[in-house]
Amino acid sequence: MSSISMKEYLEAVKEISSSTMDQDEKIHKVMSWKEKLMSNDELLIDLLTQSAVIEEPEQFLPQDINGFSLYRDPDKDFSMHVFVWAPHVPYPIHDHGSWGIVGLYRGHIEETKYRWLGAEDHRVMLEPKTPKKYKKGEVFYVLPLDEGPHSMRSLGSQTSISIHTYGRPIRKSMLRLFHPAFDEKGKYSFYYTYPLYVYRRMLALDALSAISEDAGMDLEKHLMEKSGNKVLVAALRDKREEDR
């Protein structure tokens, strides 16, 4: 399989993600292009060097402490991220705000998808599917929201690196992380996580609401109407919808 450059990949994904194709067709086509991208062994060298020595704008910080953004389409049709998986460290079960294509660039990864069985009282019922193992160059997909909870971990003693492409988000600016309930097998509680520069603001707002519900509601309303931080406003709006 011939490799392609990042520029070629971005141009192809832009055309696909901004098209009127349905989600399944977009996933299929982007997976094909991602397989070609994964065979480019020089792909990340320059990008990682730049990321280590140049401070990126804060909007490039993702929700996840083990990753960072490579590219965000100006029209918000898609984005690209790198994730670094330390050996023997499992990542929590989580969902995504959009469909996504994962390509393994180095190492070995095990992914477990979870079947959504319903929700009740801020808890969800999840059933694990059979885990799948991936090696360098292999590609797989994730689905958005309730369709796509999954967990990932690096296998073996080596650090693994994966490159993720996500489509236009249905739910913006936050993920849900799921943790097993202590009192009932198969049930999970969850909490929200946000881009790092938004997370502090959301924690402060949650704390204020716990002290004074009225003060918290007033500030939330003010921020949603007046804040110039679009990511913060989107996070507040999405959280309000999720909590209904």
Protein backbone atom coordinates (compact mmCIF):
# COMPACT_ATOMS: atom_id res chain seq x y z
CA MET A 1 0.00 0.00 0.00
CA SER A 2 1.43 3.39 -0.99
CA SER A 3 1.74 6.01 1.74
CA ILE A 4 0.38 9.54 1.57
CA SER A 5 1.35 12.86 3.13
CA MET A 6 -0.54 14.65 5.86
CA LYS A 7 -1.53 17.32 3.32
CA GLU A 8 -3.07 14.71 1.01
CA TYR A 9 -4.89 13.12 3.93
CA LEU A 10 -6.33 16.41 5.20
CA GLU A 11 -7.57 17.33 1.73
CA ALA A 12 -9.28 13.94 1.32
CA VAL A 13 -10.89 14.01 4.77
CA LYS A 14 -12.12 17.57 4.24
CA GLU A 15 -13.88 16.53 1.05
CA ILE A 16 -15.45 13.51 2.74
CA SER A 17 -16.44 15.10 6.04
CA SER A 18 -18.06 18.15 4.41
CA SER A 19 -20.04 16.02 1.95
CA THR A 20 -23.65 14.81 2.20
CA MET A 21 -22.59 11.17 2.65
CA ASP A 22 -24.16 9.34 5.56
CA GLN A 23 -22.08 8.52 8.64
CA ASP A 24 -21.32 4.91 7.65
CA GLU A 25 -20.03 5.93 4.23
CA LYS A 26 -17.85 8.67 5.71
CA ILE A 27 -16.36 6.21 8.20
CA HIS A 28 -15.63 3.66 5.46
CA LYS A 29 -13.91 6.20 3.19
CA VAL A 30 -11.87 7.89 5.92
CA MET A 31 -10.73 4.48 7.19
CA SER A 32 -9.36 3.74 3.71
CA TRP A 33 -7.38 7.00 3.66
CA LYS A 34 -6.21 6.49 7.28
CA GLU A 35 -4.72 3.11 6.35
CA LYS A 36 -2.57 4.85 3.72
CA LEU A 37 -1.56 7.55 6.21
CA MET A 38 -0.45 4.95 8.76
CA SER A 39 2.13 3.58 6.33
CA ASN A 40 3.99 6.94 6.30
CA ASP A 41 6.75 6.29 8.87
CA GLU A 42 7.98 9.89 8.75
CA LEU A 43 4.55 11.39 9.40
CA LEU A 44 4.88 12.44 13.03
CA ILE A 45 8.56 13.31 13.34
CA ASP A 46 8.27 16.98 12.33
CA LEU A 47 4.87 17.41 13.95
CA LEU A 48 6.00 16.00 17.31
CA THR A 49 9.19 18.07 17.25
CA GLN A 50 7.17 21.24 16.71
CA SER A 51 4.69 20.29 19.42
CA ALA A 52 7.49 19.79 21.93
CA VAL A 53 9.25 23.11 21.35
CA ILE A 54 6.46 25.49 20.30
CA GLU A 55 3.60 26.43 22.59
CA GLU A 56 0.37 25.80 20.72
CA PRO A 57 -2.73 27.97 21.16
CA GLU A 58 -4.77 26.78 24.12
CA GLN A 59 -7.73 25.74 21.96
CA PHE A 60 -5.53 22.90 20.70
CA LEU A 61 -5.54 21.29 24.15
CA PRO A 62 -7.91 18.30 24.14
CA GLN A 63 -9.99 16.82 26.97
CA ASP A 64 -7.44 14.06 27.47
CA ILE A 65 -4.19 14.44 29.37
CA ASN A 66 -2.53 11.77 27.20
CA GLY A 67 -3.15 13.54 23.88
CA PHE A 68 -3.01 16.76 21.92
CA SER A 69 -4.50 18.14 18.74
CA LEU A 70 -2.65 18.09 15.42
CA TYR A 71 -5.19 19.87 13.24
CA ARG A 72 -8.61 21.47 13.47
CA ASP A 73 -10.49 22.18 10.26
CA PRO A 74 -11.41 25.90 10.06
CA ASP A 75 -15.00 24.94 9.21
CA LYS A 76 -15.12 22.45 12.11
CA ASP A 77 -15.87 19.53 9.78
CA PHE A 78 -13.17 17.36 11.38
CA SER A 79 -10.10 17.35 13.65
CA MET A 80 -6.97 15.25 14.17
CA HIS A 81 -5.26 14.24 17.42
CA VAL A 82 -2.31 12.19 18.64
CA PHE A 83 -2.63 9.98 21.74
CA VAL A 84 0.29 8.49 23.65
CA TRP A 85 -0.53 5.31 25.61
CA ALA A 86 1.83 4.40 28.43
CA PRO A 87 2.37 0.64 28.84
CA HIS A 88 0.17 -1.20 31.35
CA VAL A 89 -2.09 1.84 31.94
CA PRO A 90 -5.75 1.26 31.01
CA TYR A 91 -7.75 4.29 29.92
CA PRO A 92 -11.28 4.72 31.42
CA ILE A 93 -14.41 3.84 29.49
CA HIS A 94 -15.51 6.95 27.62
CA ASP A 95 -17.66 8.13 24.74
CA HIS A 96 -17.16 10.64 21.93
CA GLY A 97 -19.10 13.55 20.47
CA SER A 98 -18.68 12.33 16.88
CA TRP A 99 -17.67 9.40 14.73
CA GLY A 100 -13.94 8.78 14.63
CA ILE A 101 -11.22 6.78 12.90
CA VAL A 102 -8.26 5.51 14.93
CA GLY A 103 -5.00 4.48 13.28
CA LEU A 104 -2.25 2.78 15.28
CA TYR A 105 1.08 4.43 14.48
CA ARG A 106 3.32 2.54 16.92
CA GLY A 107 2.90 -0.29 19.41
CA HIS A 108 -0.06 -2.55 20.21
CA ILE A 109 -3.49 -1.48 21.47
CA GLU A 110 -6.44 -3.39 22.91
CA GLU A 111 -9.86 -1.80 22.46
CA THR A 112 -13.09 -2.86 24.18
CA LYS A 113 -16.40 -1.52 22.89
CA TYR A 114 -19.47 -1.43 25.15
CA ARG A 115 -23.10 -2.01 24.23
CA TRP A 116 -25.44 0.67 25.65
CA LEU A 117 -28.37 -1.01 27.45
CA GLY A 118 -30.12 2.05 28.85
CA ALA A 119 -29.87 4.76 31.51
CA GLU A 120 -31.57 5.47 34.82
CA ASP A 121 -30.95 8.01 37.61
CA HIS A 122 -27.70 9.34 36.11
CA ARG A 123 -26.42 5.80 35.70
CA VAL A 124 -26.04 3.80 32.53
CA MET A 125 -26.04 0.08 31.83
CA LEU A 126 -23.15 -1.10 29.66
CA GLU A 127 -22.21 -4.55 28.44
CA PRO A 128 -18.62 -5.17 27.24
CA LYS A 129 -18.09 -6.71 23.83
CA THR A 130 -15.16 -8.98 23.01
CA PRO A 131 -11.91 -6.95 23.15
CA LYS A 132 -9.95 -6.55 19.91
CA LYS A 133 -6.19 -6.14 19.54
CA TYR A 134 -4.55 -3.88 16.95
CA LYS A 135 -0.97 -3.55 15.76
CA LYS A 136 0.99 -0.91 13.88
CA GLY A 137 -0.78 0.26 10.72
CA GLU A 138 -4.21 -1.11 11.61
CA VAL A 139 -7.30 1.09 11.70
CA PHE A 140 -10.66 0.94 13.49
CA TYR A 141 -13.65 3.24 14.09
CA VAL A 142 -15.62 4.70 16.99
CA LEU A 143 -19.25 5.82 16.94
CA PRO A 144 -20.73 8.90 18.65
CA LEU A 145 -22.58 9.27 21.96
CA ASP A 146 -24.54 6.23 23.22
CA GLU A 147 -23.46 4.16 20.20
CA GLY A 148 -19.79 4.27 21.02
CA PRO A 149 -18.53 3.89 24.63
CA HIS A 150 -15.15 2.16 24.59
CA SER A 151 -11.88 1.80 26.46
CA MET A 152 -8.29 1.42 25.25
CA ARG A 153 -4.96 0.29 26.65
CA SER A 154 -1.46 -0.28 25.37
CA LEU A 155 -0.25 -3.90 25.32
CA GLY A 156 3.27 -5.01 26.10
CA SER A 157 6.10 -2.94 27.57
CA GLN A 158 6.32 -0.30 24.82
CA THR A 159 4.56 3.06 24.59
CA SER A 160 1.89 3.05 21.86
CA ILE A 161 0.94 5.99 19.64
CA SER A 162 -2.36 6.39 17.81
CA ILE A 163 -3.62 9.04 15.41
CA HIS A 164 -7.33 9.89 15.61
CA THR A 165 -9.57 11.69 13.13
CA TYR A 166 -12.97 12.86 14.39
CA GLY A 167 -15.85 14.19 12.29
CA ARG A 168 -18.09 17.17 12.96
CA PRO A 169 -19.23 16.84 16.58
CA ILE A 170 -22.83 16.16 17.52
CA ARG A 171 -22.03 17.03 21.13
CA LYS A 172 -19.23 19.59 21.46
CA SER A 173 -16.48 20.20 23.94
CA MET A 174 -16.91 17.34 26.39
CA LEU A 175 -16.67 13.59 26.87
CA ARG A 176 -18.33 11.33 29.39
CA LEU A 177 -16.12 9.01 31.45
CA PHE A 178 -17.79 5.91 32.91
CA HIS A 179 -16.88 4.13 36.17
CA PRO A 180 -18.38 0.90 37.52
CA ALA A 181 -21.01 1.38 40.21
CA PHE A 182 -20.00 -0.15 43.53
CA ASP A 183 -23.40 -1.65 44.29
CA GLU A 184 -24.55 -3.25 41.02
CA LYS A 185 -22.64 -5.08 38.29
CA GLY A 186 -23.15 -3.75 34.77
CA LYS A 187 -24.13 -0.25 35.92
CA TYR A 188 -21.84 2.73 35.53
CA SER A 189 -21.81 6.27 36.85
CA PHE A 190 -20.31 8.99 34.69
CA TYR A 191 -18.90 12.49 34.80
CA TYR A 192 -17.98 15.07 32.20
CA THR A 193 -14.49 16.06 31.13
CA TYR A 194 -13.60 19.12 29.08
CA PRO A 195 -10.63 20.71 27.30
CA LEU A 196 -8.08 21.55 29.99
CA TYR A 197 -8.48 25.31 29.72
CA VAL A 198 -12.28 24.99 30.15
CA TYR A 199 -12.12 22.38 32.91
CA ARG A 200 -11.06 24.83 35.64
CA ARG A 201 -13.97 27.15 34.81
CA MET A 202 -16.46 24.29 34.90
CA LEU A 203 -15.13 23.08 38.26
CA ALA A 204 -15.47 26.58 39.71
CA LEU A 205 -19.03 26.84 38.41
CA ASP A 206 -19.96 23.42 39.85
CA ALA A 207 -18.51 24.40 43.22
CA LEU A 208 -20.40 27.71 43.22
CA SER A 209 -23.65 25.89 42.36
CA ALA A 210 -23.09 23.52 45.28
CA ILE A 211 -22.72 26.47 47.65
CA SER A 212 -25.54 28.57 46.17
CA GLU A 213 -27.75 27.09 43.47
CA ASP A 214 -29.15 30.52 42.54
CA ALA A 215 -25.68 32.06 42.24
CA GLY A 216 -24.54 29.15 40.10
CA MET A 217 -27.55 29.43 37.79
CA ASP A 218 -27.14 33.19 37.47
CA LEU A 219 -23.46 32.88 36.57
CA GLU A 220 -24.11 30.07 34.10
CA LYS A 221 -26.75 32.18 32.37
CA HIS A 222 -24.39 35.18 32.29
CA LEU A 223 -21.55 33.12 30.79
CA MET A 224 -23.76 31.57 28.14
CA GLU A 225 -25.00 35.02 27.08
CA LYS A 226 -21.85 37.13 27.47
CA SER A 227 -18.71 34.97 27.32
CA GLY A 228 -16.59 35.30 24.21
CA ASN A 229 -15.14 31.82 24.80
CA LYS A 230 -17.09 29.71 22.30
CA VAL A 231 -15.81 26.41 23.68
CA LEU A 232 -16.92 27.30 27.20
CA VAL A 233 -20.36 28.37 25.96
CA ALA A 234 -20.72 25.13 23.97
CA ALA A 235 -19.70 23.08 27.02
CA LEU A 236 -22.26 24.85 29.22
CA ARG A 237 -24.99 24.40 26.62
CA ASP A 238 -24.21 20.72 26.07
CA LYS A 239 -24.04 19.99 29.79
CA ARG A 240 -27.43 21.62 30.29
CA GLU A 241 -28.88 19.40 27.55
CA GLU A 242 -27.24 16.27 29.01
CA ASP A 243 -28.59 17.01 32.51
CA ARG A 244 -32.20 17.41 31.40
